[in-house]
Amino acid sequence: MDLESYFISQFSTKHIGDDAAIVDGLIYSKDAFFEGVHFKREWLSCKEIAKKAMLVNISDAVAMNAKPLYVLLSVAMPKNITKQEAKALADGFKEVAKQFDIEIIGGDTISNTKLDITITVISKSKKPLLRKGMKKGDFVAYTGDLGKSAKDLKILLRGGRVKKTSKFKEPKLRTDFIKKTRKYLHCGMDISDGLFSDLEKLLHVNAIGYRFFRKIPKNVACSGEEYELLFSFDKRYKTAIIRQAKRTRTKINIFATAQRKHFRNTCKRHHF
């Protein structure tokens, strides 16, 4: 067991295990976005940093078919940050909040040696999509293209530049697709740690493995921070899901069936 999984296992509660926790009809999610861990200041403007911090947090709610309602911000800022940079951060938070019709209701700010952001998102859903629910014989699929986020990260680490439209800079969330296909889906989650790492999580929850239709390249299998949707569904609904994918202009990739087979994650851990 890796260190992250070991630490999480120390907390015994029925609410841990999905992209977000469901408590008394509300859905709570929280993620950190720290300088030196998730980004470097030279890679992104302050506005871009704030926007990505919001989007990667909202991704958990979207993956669970939830409507984000409120956000709490915790921002640790270096003492040398300027008022213009602080305003750019605020503008980035507000722009994404407006896009998703979310109200920022409070939080905390502290002085720090670097820029660290933690966000709590409070959401609601009439029919949340959980990680548990995959059935033997299900098709397993993901949205979009995988591999570009890791590719752009490598470019940035080498001192290069990436396009403003890069998924690493601004993830694309599949809100419309999940809304229109929820009734057909058995389980789902967002791809934050990489396809194989997140397939491993679904395996542990559902006690089921996979039969792949073709070999998946390492750059696709191991690319983290993609924030695409990973989901399973009954084969009977394939046509309906493809129809909704076309309507929402969402590419989907059906790559495996759920089977009682051994699966080994060959990717390196993104954390610790």
C-alpha atoms as a PDB file:
ATOM      1  CA  MET A   1       0.000   0.000   0.000  1.00  0.00           C
ATOM      2  CA  ASP A   2       1.404   3.433  -0.954  1.00  0.00           C
ATOM      3  CA  LEU A   3       1.779   6.180   1.672  1.00  0.00           C
ATOM      4  CA  GLU A   4      -1.236   8.185   0.487  1.00  0.00           C
ATOM      5  CA  SER A   5      -3.563   5.166   0.628  1.00  0.00           C
ATOM      6  CA  TYR A   6      -2.100   4.132   3.984  1.00  0.00           C
ATOM      7  CA  PHE A   7      -2.746   7.578   5.488  1.00  0.00           C
ATOM      8  CA  ILE A   8      -6.327   7.675   4.183  1.00  0.00           C
ATOM      9  CA  SER A   9      -6.927   4.171   5.598  1.00  0.00           C
ATOM     10  CA  GLN A  10      -6.327   5.551   9.115  1.00  0.00           C
ATOM     11  CA  PHE A  11      -9.711   7.296   9.014  1.00  0.00           C
ATOM     12  CA  SER A  12     -12.723   5.030   9.349  1.00  0.00           C
ATOM     13  CA  THR A  13     -15.883   6.656   7.995  1.00  0.00           C
ATOM     14  CA  LYS A  14     -18.501   5.707   5.436  1.00  0.00           C
ATOM     15  CA  HIS A  15     -18.123   9.133   3.794  1.00  0.00           C
ATOM     16  CA  ILE A  16     -14.584   8.585   2.452  1.00  0.00           C
ATOM     17  CA  GLY A  17     -14.087   6.786  -0.856  1.00  0.00           C
ATOM     18  CA  ASP A  18     -15.633   8.898  -3.624  1.00  0.00           C
ATOM     19  CA  ASP A  19     -14.519  12.073  -5.365  1.00  0.00           C
ATOM     20  CA  ALA A  20     -16.519  13.897  -2.684  1.00  0.00           C
ATOM     21  CA  ALA A  21     -18.343  13.103   0.565  1.00  0.00           C
ATOM     22  CA  ILE A  22     -22.148  13.020   0.710  1.00  0.00           C
ATOM     23  CA  VAL A  23     -23.472  14.231   4.080  1.00  0.00           C
ATOM     24  CA  ASP A  24     -27.125  15.103   4.802  1.00  0.00           C
ATOM     25  CA  GLY A  25     -27.936  15.725   1.158  1.00  0.00           C
ATOM     26  CA  LEU A  26     -24.924  17.967   0.476  1.00  0.00           C
ATOM     27  CA  ILE A  27     -21.712  16.981  -1.318  1.00  0.00           C
ATOM     28  CA  TYR A  28     -18.367  18.223   0.008  1.00  0.00           C
ATOM     29  CA  SER A  29     -15.046  18.142  -1.822  1.00  0.00           C
ATOM     30  CA  LYS A  30     -11.672  19.673  -1.032  1.00  0.00           C
ATOM     31  CA  ASP A  31      -8.341  19.822  -2.855  1.00  0.00           C
ATOM     32  CA  ALA A  32      -5.003  21.531  -2.369  1.00  0.00           C
ATOM     33  CA  PHE A  33      -3.185  23.412  -5.131  1.00  0.00           C
ATOM     34  CA  PHE A  34       0.306  24.220  -3.870  1.00  0.00           C
ATOM     35  CA  GLU A  35       3.228  26.068  -5.407  1.00  0.00           C
ATOM     36  CA  GLY A  36       6.184  23.764  -5.942  1.00  0.00           C
ATOM     37  CA  VAL A  37       3.935  20.694  -5.912  1.00  0.00           C
ATOM     38  CA  HIS A  38       1.185  21.372  -8.475  1.00  0.00           C
ATOM     39  CA  PHE A  39       2.640  24.395 -10.270  1.00  0.00           C
ATOM     40  CA  LYS A  40       5.493  26.870 -10.475  1.00  0.00           C
ATOM     41  CA  ARG A  41       4.843  30.612 -10.522  1.00  0.00           C
ATOM     42  CA  GLU A  42       6.762  31.029 -13.799  1.00  0.00           C
ATOM     43  CA  TRP A  43       4.405  28.607 -15.557  1.00  0.00           C
ATOM     44  CA  LEU A  44       1.124  30.410 -14.906  1.00  0.00           C
ATOM     45  CA  SER A  45      -0.094  33.926 -14.264  1.00  0.00           C
ATOM     46  CA  CYS A  46      -1.820  34.571 -10.941  1.00  0.00           C
ATOM     47  CA  LYS A  47      -5.180  34.602 -12.708  1.00  0.00           C
ATOM     48  CA  GLU A  48      -4.423  31.276 -14.417  1.00  0.00           C
ATOM     49  CA  ILE A  49      -3.352  29.772 -11.075  1.00  0.00           C
ATOM     50  CA  ALA A  50      -6.638  30.776  -9.436  1.00  0.00           C
ATOM     51  CA  LYS A  51      -8.715  29.520 -12.374  1.00  0.00           C
ATOM     52  CA  LYS A  52      -7.021  26.125 -12.428  1.00  0.00           C
ATOM     53  CA  ALA A  53      -7.288  25.789  -8.640  1.00  0.00           C
ATOM     54  CA  MET A  54     -11.046  26.322  -8.933  1.00  0.00           C
ATOM     55  CA  LEU A  55     -11.492  24.008 -11.915  1.00  0.00           C
ATOM     56  CA  VAL A  56      -9.628  21.042 -10.430  1.00  0.00           C
ATOM     57  CA  ASN A  57     -11.781  21.346  -7.307  1.00  0.00           C
ATOM     58  CA  ILE A  58     -15.051  21.708  -9.213  1.00  0.00           C
ATOM     59  CA  SER A  59     -14.050  18.636 -11.250  1.00  0.00           C
ATOM     60  CA  ASP A  60     -14.869  16.390  -8.282  1.00  0.00           C
ATOM     61  CA  ALA A  61     -18.414  17.752  -8.123  1.00  0.00           C
ATOM     62  CA  VAL A  62     -18.890  17.450 -11.893  1.00  0.00           C
ATOM     63  CA  ALA A  63     -17.657  13.840 -11.834  1.00  0.00           C
ATOM     64  CA  MET A  64     -20.326  13.021  -9.240  1.00  0.00           C
ATOM     65  CA  ASN A  65     -23.105  14.671 -11.274  1.00  0.00           C
ATOM     66  CA  ALA A  66     -23.397  17.438  -8.687  1.00  0.00           C
ATOM     67  CA  LYS A  67     -24.156  21.141  -9.064  1.00  0.00           C
ATOM     68  CA  PRO A  68     -21.543  23.244  -7.216  1.00  0.00           C
ATOM     69  CA  LEU A  69     -23.228  25.891  -5.071  1.00  0.00           C
ATOM     70  CA  TYR A  70     -20.685  27.429  -2.696  1.00  0.00           C
ATOM     71  CA  VAL A  71     -16.924  27.691  -2.336  1.00  0.00           C
ATOM     72  CA  LEU A  72     -14.665  28.356   0.669  1.00  0.00           C
ATOM     73  CA  LEU A  73     -11.175  29.626  -0.193  1.00  0.00           C
ATOM     74  CA  SER A  74      -7.995  29.265   1.827  1.00  0.00           C
ATOM     75  CA  VAL A  75      -5.136  31.239   0.271  1.00  0.00           C
ATOM     76  CA  ALA A  76      -1.618  31.400   1.699  1.00  0.00           C
ATOM     77  CA  MET A  77       0.254  34.231  -0.051  1.00  0.00           C
ATOM     78  CA  PRO A  78       3.934  35.172   0.030  1.00  0.00           C
ATOM     79  CA  LYS A  79       4.703  38.521   1.652  1.00  0.00           C
ATOM     80  CA  ASN A  80       6.157  39.904  -1.574  1.00  0.00           C
ATOM     81  CA  ILE A  81       2.982  39.384  -3.627  1.00  0.00           C
ATOM     82  CA  THR A  82       1.703  42.682  -5.040  1.00  0.00           C
ATOM     83  CA  LYS A  83      -1.820  44.089  -4.862  1.00  0.00           C
ATOM     84  CA  GLN A  84      -2.064  43.662  -8.629  1.00  0.00           C
ATOM     85  CA  GLU A  85      -1.188  39.961  -8.283  1.00  0.00           C
ATOM     86  CA  ALA A  86      -3.652  39.557  -5.421  1.00  0.00           C
ATOM     87  CA  LYS A  87      -6.362  41.152  -7.564  1.00  0.00           C
ATOM     88  CA  ALA A  88      -5.479  38.825 -10.460  1.00  0.00           C
ATOM     89  CA  LEU A  89      -5.924  35.849  -8.120  1.00  0.00           C
ATOM     90  CA  ALA A  90      -9.300  37.177  -6.986  1.00  0.00           C
ATOM     91  CA  ASP A  91     -10.344  37.810 -10.601  1.00  0.00           C
ATOM     92  CA  GLY A  92      -9.461  34.205 -11.524  1.00  0.00           C
ATOM     93  CA  PHE A  93     -11.509  32.781  -8.648  1.00  0.00           C
ATOM     94  CA  LYS A  94     -14.468  35.028  -9.492  1.00  0.00           C
ATOM     95  CA  GLU A  95     -14.374  34.277 -13.226  1.00  0.00           C
ATOM     96  CA  VAL A  96     -14.726  30.514 -12.708  1.00  0.00           C
ATOM     97  CA  ALA A  97     -17.308  31.025  -9.949  1.00  0.00           C
ATOM     98  CA  LYS A  98     -19.411  33.096 -12.355  1.00  0.00           C
ATOM     99  CA  GLN A  99     -18.994  30.481 -15.115  1.00  0.00           C
ATOM    100  CA  PHE A 100     -20.434  27.750 -12.872  1.00  0.00           C
ATOM    101  CA  ASP A 101     -22.899  30.009 -10.986  1.00  0.00           C
ATOM    102  CA  ILE A 102     -21.091  29.477  -7.667  1.00  0.00           C
ATOM    103  CA  GLU A 103     -21.023  31.840  -4.678  1.00  0.00           C
ATOM    104  CA  ILE A 104     -17.718  32.321  -2.845  1.00  0.00           C
ATOM    105  CA  ILE A 105     -18.885  32.526   0.763  1.00  0.00           C
ATOM    106  CA  GLY A 106     -15.660  32.900   2.761  1.00  0.00           C
ATOM    107  CA  GLY A 107     -12.477  31.180   3.821  1.00  0.00           C
ATOM    108  CA  ASP A 108      -9.107  32.325   5.166  1.00  0.00           C
ATOM    109  CA  THR A 109      -5.962  34.132   4.052  1.00  0.00           C
ATOM    110  CA  ILE A 110      -2.527  33.862   5.670  1.00  0.00           C
ATOM    111  CA  SER A 111       1.030  34.966   4.965  1.00  0.00           C
ATOM    112  CA  ASN A 112       3.353  32.251   3.676  1.00  0.00           C
ATOM    113  CA  THR A 113       6.676  31.673   1.937  1.00  0.00           C
ATOM    114  CA  LYS A 114       4.888  30.542  -1.237  1.00  0.00           C
ATOM    115  CA  LEU A 115       1.445  30.546  -2.888  1.00  0.00           C
ATOM    116  CA  ASP A 116      -0.720  27.705  -1.575  1.00  0.00           C
ATOM    117  CA  ILE A 117      -4.448  27.372  -2.268  1.00  0.00           C
ATOM    118  CA  THR A 118      -7.017  25.050  -0.702  1.00  0.00           C
ATOM    119  CA  ILE A 119     -10.645  25.088  -1.821  1.00  0.00           C
ATOM    120  CA  THR A 120     -13.769  23.489  -0.386  1.00  0.00           C
ATOM    121  CA  VAL A 121     -16.702  23.050  -2.769  1.00  0.00           C
ATOM    122  CA  ILE A 122     -20.240  22.446  -1.474  1.00  0.00           C
ATOM    123  CA  SER A 123     -22.585  20.895  -4.032  1.00  0.00           C
ATOM    124  CA  LYS A 124     -25.945  19.199  -4.468  1.00  0.00           C
ATOM    125  CA  SER A 125     -27.140  16.310  -6.631  1.00  0.00           C
ATOM    126  CA  LYS A 126     -30.449  14.495  -7.038  1.00  0.00           C
ATOM    127  CA  LYS A 127     -28.623  11.452  -8.402  1.00  0.00           C
ATOM    128  CA  PRO A 128     -24.924  11.462  -7.521  1.00  0.00           C
ATOM    129  CA  LEU A 129     -22.570   9.204  -9.475  1.00  0.00           C
ATOM    130  CA  LEU A 130     -20.365   7.116  -7.182  1.00  0.00           C
ATOM    131  CA  ARG A 131     -17.223   5.077  -7.743  1.00  0.00           C
ATOM    132  CA  LYS A 132     -19.044   1.956  -6.586  1.00  0.00           C
ATOM    133  CA  GLY A 133     -21.508   0.340  -8.979  1.00  0.00           C
ATOM    134  CA  MET A 134     -19.443  -1.192 -11.765  1.00  0.00           C
ATOM    135  CA  LYS A 135     -20.848  -4.564 -12.876  1.00  0.00           C
ATOM    136  CA  LYS A 136     -19.309  -7.528 -14.654  1.00  0.00           C
ATOM    137  CA  GLY A 137     -19.709  -7.066 -18.412  1.00  0.00           C
ATOM    138  CA  ASP A 138     -19.868  -3.251 -18.243  1.00  0.00           C
ATOM    139  CA  PHE A 139     -18.121  -1.222 -20.894  1.00  0.00           C
ATOM    140  CA  VAL A 140     -15.415   1.005 -19.379  1.00  0.00           C
ATOM    141  CA  ALA A 141     -14.727   4.350 -21.068  1.00  0.00           C
ATOM    142  CA  TYR A 142     -13.211   7.805 -20.662  1.00  0.00           C
ATOM    143  CA  THR A 143     -13.879  11.185 -22.262  1.00  0.00           C
ATOM    144  CA  GLY A 144     -11.515  13.268 -24.364  1.00  0.00           C
ATOM    145  CA  ASP A 145      -7.873  12.558 -25.107  1.00  0.00           C
ATOM    146  CA  LEU A 146      -5.333  11.526 -22.479  1.00  0.00           C
ATOM    147  CA  GLY A 147      -1.617  12.217 -22.457  1.00  0.00           C
ATOM    148  CA  LYS A 148      -1.513  15.921 -23.321  1.00  0.00           C
ATOM    149  CA  SER A 149      -1.343  17.112 -19.714  1.00  0.00           C
ATOM    150  CA  ALA A 150       1.765  15.045 -18.921  1.00  0.00           C
ATOM    151  CA  LYS A 151       3.330  16.066 -22.237  1.00  0.00           C
ATOM    152  CA  ASP A 152       2.854  19.770 -21.494  1.00  0.00           C
ATOM    153  CA  LEU A 153       4.140  19.306 -17.932  1.00  0.00           C
ATOM    154  CA  LYS A 154       7.384  17.864 -19.327  1.00  0.00           C
ATOM    155  CA  ILE A 155       7.728  20.878 -21.639  1.00  0.00           C
ATOM    156  CA  LEU A 156       7.267  23.246 -18.685  1.00  0.00           C
ATOM    157  CA  LEU A 157       9.747  21.338 -16.517  1.00  0.00           C
ATOM    158  CA  ARG A 158      12.332  21.752 -19.289  1.00  0.00           C
ATOM    159  CA  GLY A 159      11.786  25.511 -19.297  1.00  0.00           C
ATOM    160  CA  GLY A 160       9.548  25.610 -22.362  1.00  0.00           C
ATOM    161  CA  ARG A 161       6.159  27.210 -22.954  1.00  0.00           C
ATOM    162  CA  VAL A 162       2.752  25.710 -23.680  1.00  0.00           C
ATOM    163  CA  LYS A 163      -0.324  27.156 -25.369  1.00  0.00           C
ATOM    164  CA  LYS A 164      -2.891  29.106 -23.366  1.00  0.00           C
ATOM    165  CA  THR A 165      -5.411  26.451 -24.412  1.00  0.00           C
ATOM    166  CA  SER A 166      -3.294  23.678 -22.824  1.00  0.00           C
ATOM    167  CA  LYS A 167      -5.299  21.278 -20.674  1.00  0.00           C
ATOM    168  CA  PHE A 168      -2.518  21.550 -18.086  1.00  0.00           C
ATOM    169  CA  LYS A 169      -3.301  25.259 -17.762  1.00  0.00           C
ATOM    170  CA  GLU A 170      -7.090  25.053 -17.955  1.00  0.00           C
ATOM    171  CA  PRO A 171      -8.822  21.657 -17.673  1.00  0.00           C
ATOM    172  CA  LYS A 172     -12.035  21.120 -19.640  1.00  0.00           C
ATOM    173  CA  LEU A 173     -14.852  19.804 -17.433  1.00  0.00           C
ATOM    174  CA  ARG A 174     -17.555  17.573 -18.972  1.00  0.00           C
ATOM    175  CA  THR A 175     -20.576  19.065 -17.206  1.00  0.00           C
ATOM    176  CA  ASP A 176     -23.096  18.690 -20.054  1.00  0.00           C
ATOM    177  CA  PHE A 177     -22.038  15.147 -20.915  1.00  0.00           C
ATOM    178  CA  ILE A 178     -22.397  13.860 -17.352  1.00  0.00           C
ATOM    179  CA  LYS A 179     -25.826  15.500 -16.964  1.00  0.00           C
ATOM    180  CA  LYS A 180     -27.174  13.938 -20.148  1.00  0.00           C
ATOM    181  CA  THR A 181     -25.744  10.439 -19.583  1.00  0.00           C
ATOM    182  CA  ARG A 182     -26.070  10.013 -15.798  1.00  0.00           C
ATOM    183  CA  LYS A 183     -29.124   7.742 -16.087  1.00  0.00           C
ATOM    184  CA  TYR A 184     -27.078   5.259 -18.126  1.00  0.00           C
ATOM    185  CA  LEU A 185     -23.925   5.183 -15.969  1.00  0.00           C
ATOM    186  CA  HIS A 186     -23.119   2.632 -13.262  1.00  0.00           C
ATOM    187  CA  CYS A 187     -20.079   4.357 -11.759  1.00  0.00           C
ATOM    188  CA  GLY A 188     -17.628   7.144 -12.464  1.00  0.00           C
ATOM    189  CA  MET A 189     -14.862   9.466 -11.291  1.00  0.00           C
ATOM    190  CA  ASP A 190     -12.539  12.104 -12.702  1.00  0.00           C
ATOM    191  CA  ILE A 191      -9.077  11.195 -13.948  1.00  0.00           C
ATOM    192  CA  SER A 192      -6.716  13.140 -11.710  1.00  0.00           C
ATOM    193  CA  ASP A 193      -3.959  10.625 -10.902  1.00  0.00           C
ATOM    194  CA  GLY A 194      -3.836   8.957 -14.334  1.00  0.00           C
ATOM    195  CA  LEU A 195      -6.029   6.390 -16.102  1.00  0.00           C
ATOM    196  CA  PHE A 196      -4.377   3.268 -14.642  1.00  0.00           C
ATOM    197  CA  SER A 197      -4.119   4.723 -11.122  1.00  0.00           C
ATOM    198  CA  ASP A 198      -7.799   5.650 -11.162  1.00  0.00           C
ATOM    199  CA  LEU A 199      -8.783   2.281 -12.673  1.00  0.00           C
ATOM    200  CA  GLU A 200      -6.992   0.769  -9.689  1.00  0.00           C
ATOM    201  CA  LYS A 201      -9.224   2.790  -7.347  1.00  0.00           C
ATOM    202  CA  LEU A 202     -12.364   1.532  -9.119  1.00  0.00           C
ATOM    203  CA  LEU A 203     -11.017  -2.017  -8.885  1.00  0.00           C
ATOM    204  CA  HIS A 204     -10.613  -1.773  -5.104  1.00  0.00           C
ATOM    205  CA  VAL A 205     -14.114  -0.342  -4.632  1.00  0.00           C
ATOM    206  CA  ASN A 206     -15.867  -2.771  -6.983  1.00  0.00           C
ATOM    207  CA  ALA A 207     -13.667  -5.895  -6.599  1.00  0.00           C
ATOM    208  CA  ILE A 208     -13.487  -6.289 -10.370  1.00  0.00           C
ATOM    209  CA  GLY A 209     -10.796  -6.099 -13.051  1.00  0.00           C
ATOM    210  CA  TYR A 210     -10.699  -5.331 -16.766  1.00  0.00           C
ATOM    211  CA  ARG A 211     -10.260  -6.936 -20.173  1.00  0.00           C
ATOM    212  CA  PHE A 212      -8.698  -4.351 -22.469  1.00  0.00           C
ATOM    213  CA  PHE A 213      -9.622  -4.213 -26.145  1.00  0.00           C
ATOM    214  CA  ARG A 214      -6.109  -3.071 -27.069  1.00  0.00           C
ATOM    215  CA  LYS A 215      -2.814  -2.183 -25.409  1.00  0.00           C
ATOM    216  CA  ILE A 216      -2.905   1.302 -23.897  1.00  0.00           C
ATOM    217  CA  PRO A 217       0.317   3.322 -24.379  1.00  0.00           C
ATOM    218  CA  LYS A 218       2.109   4.448 -21.222  1.00  0.00           C
ATOM    219  CA  ASN A 219       1.728   8.141 -22.102  1.00  0.00           C
ATOM    220  CA  VAL A 220      -2.066   7.635 -22.110  1.00  0.00           C
ATOM    221  CA  ALA A 221      -2.218   5.252 -19.139  1.00  0.00           C
ATOM    222  CA  CYS A 222      -0.075   7.311 -16.777  1.00  0.00           C
ATOM    223  CA  SER A 223      -0.858  10.964 -17.573  1.00  0.00           C
ATOM    224  CA  GLY A 224      -2.184  12.700 -14.457  1.00  0.00           C
ATOM    225  CA  GLU A 225      -4.186  15.918 -14.038  1.00  0.00           C
ATOM    226  CA  GLU A 226      -6.332  15.220 -17.091  1.00  0.00           C
ATOM    227  CA  TYR A 227      -9.689  15.781 -15.335  1.00  0.00           C
ATOM    228  CA  GLU A 228     -11.548  13.771 -17.953  1.00  0.00           C
ATOM    229  CA  LEU A 229     -14.334  11.405 -16.860  1.00  0.00           C
ATOM    230  CA  LEU A 230     -13.791   7.675 -16.308  1.00  0.00           C
ATOM    231  CA  PHE A 231     -17.027   5.679 -16.212  1.00  0.00           C
ATOM    232  CA  SER A 232     -18.738   2.331 -16.779  1.00  0.00           C
ATOM    233  CA  PHE A 233     -22.130   1.429 -18.251  1.00  0.00           C
ATOM    234  CA  ASP A 234     -24.212  -1.491 -19.455  1.00  0.00           C
ATOM    235  CA  LYS A 235     -23.518  -2.440 -23.071  1.00  0.00           C
ATOM    236  CA  ARG A 236     -27.206  -1.908 -23.879  1.00  0.00           C
ATOM    237  CA  TYR A 237     -26.739   1.846 -23.492  1.00  0.00           C
ATOM    238  CA  LYS A 238     -23.787   2.218 -25.855  1.00  0.00           C
ATOM    239  CA  THR A 239     -25.846   3.784 -28.657  1.00  0.00           C
ATOM    240  CA  ALA A 240     -27.582   6.222 -26.293  1.00  0.00           C
ATOM    241  CA  ILE A 241     -24.280   7.324 -24.743  1.00  0.00           C
ATOM    242  CA  ILE A 242     -22.629   7.805 -28.137  1.00  0.00           C
ATOM    243  CA  ARG A 243     -25.636   9.893 -29.199  1.00  0.00           C
ATOM    244  CA  GLN A 244     -25.297  12.166 -26.159  1.00  0.00           C
ATOM    245  CA  ALA A 245     -21.543  12.385 -26.660  1.00  0.00           C
ATOM    246  CA  LYS A 246     -22.138  13.739 -30.175  1.00  0.00           C
ATOM    247  CA  ARG A 247     -24.745  16.201 -28.914  1.00  0.00           C
ATOM    248  CA  THR A 248     -22.362  17.555 -26.278  1.00  0.00           C
ATOM    249  CA  ARG A 249     -19.338  17.400 -28.608  1.00  0.00           C
ATOM    250  CA  THR A 250     -17.594  15.010 -26.259  1.00  0.00           C
ATOM    251  CA  LYS A 251     -15.162  12.415 -27.519  1.00  0.00           C
ATOM    252  CA  ILE A 252     -15.525   9.083 -25.713  1.00  0.00           C
ATOM    253  CA  ASN A 253     -13.163   6.122 -25.736  1.00  0.00           C
ATOM    254  CA  ILE A 254     -14.577   2.688 -24.877  1.00  0.00           C
ATOM    255  CA  PHE A 255     -11.430   0.719 -24.072  1.00  0.00           C
ATOM    256  CA  ALA A 256     -12.328  -2.265 -21.860  1.00  0.00           C
ATOM    257  CA  THR A 257     -14.985  -4.454 -20.296  1.00  0.00           C
ATOM    258  CA  ALA A 258     -15.267  -5.113 -16.581  1.00  0.00           C
ATOM    259  CA  GLN A 259     -14.237  -8.702 -15.862  1.00  0.00           C
ATOM    260  CA  ARG A 260     -13.022 -10.675 -12.869  1.00  0.00           C
ATOM    261  CA  LYS A 261      -9.426 -10.457 -14.045  1.00  0.00           C
ATOM    262  CA  HIS A 262      -6.146  -9.378 -12.473  1.00  0.00           C
ATOM    263  CA  PHE A 263      -5.123  -5.783 -13.134  1.00  0.00           C
ATOM    264  CA  ARG A 264      -1.786  -4.228 -12.205  1.00  0.00           C
ATOM    265  CA  ASN A 265      -1.139  -0.510 -12.264  1.00  0.00           C
ATOM    266  CA  THR A 266       2.287  -0.040 -13.872  1.00  0.00           C
ATOM    267  CA  CYS A 267       2.388   3.762 -13.496  1.00  0.00           C
ATOM    268  CA  LYS A 268       4.425   5.706 -10.958  1.00  0.00           C
ATOM    269  CA  ARG A 269       2.532   7.424  -8.157  1.00  0.00           C
ATOM    270  CA  HIS A 270       1.895  11.125  -8.665  1.00  0.00           C
ATOM    271  CA  HIS A 271       1.852  11.801  -4.927  1.00  0.00           C
ATOM    272  CA  PHE A 272       4.528  11.257  -2.257  1.00  0.00           C
END
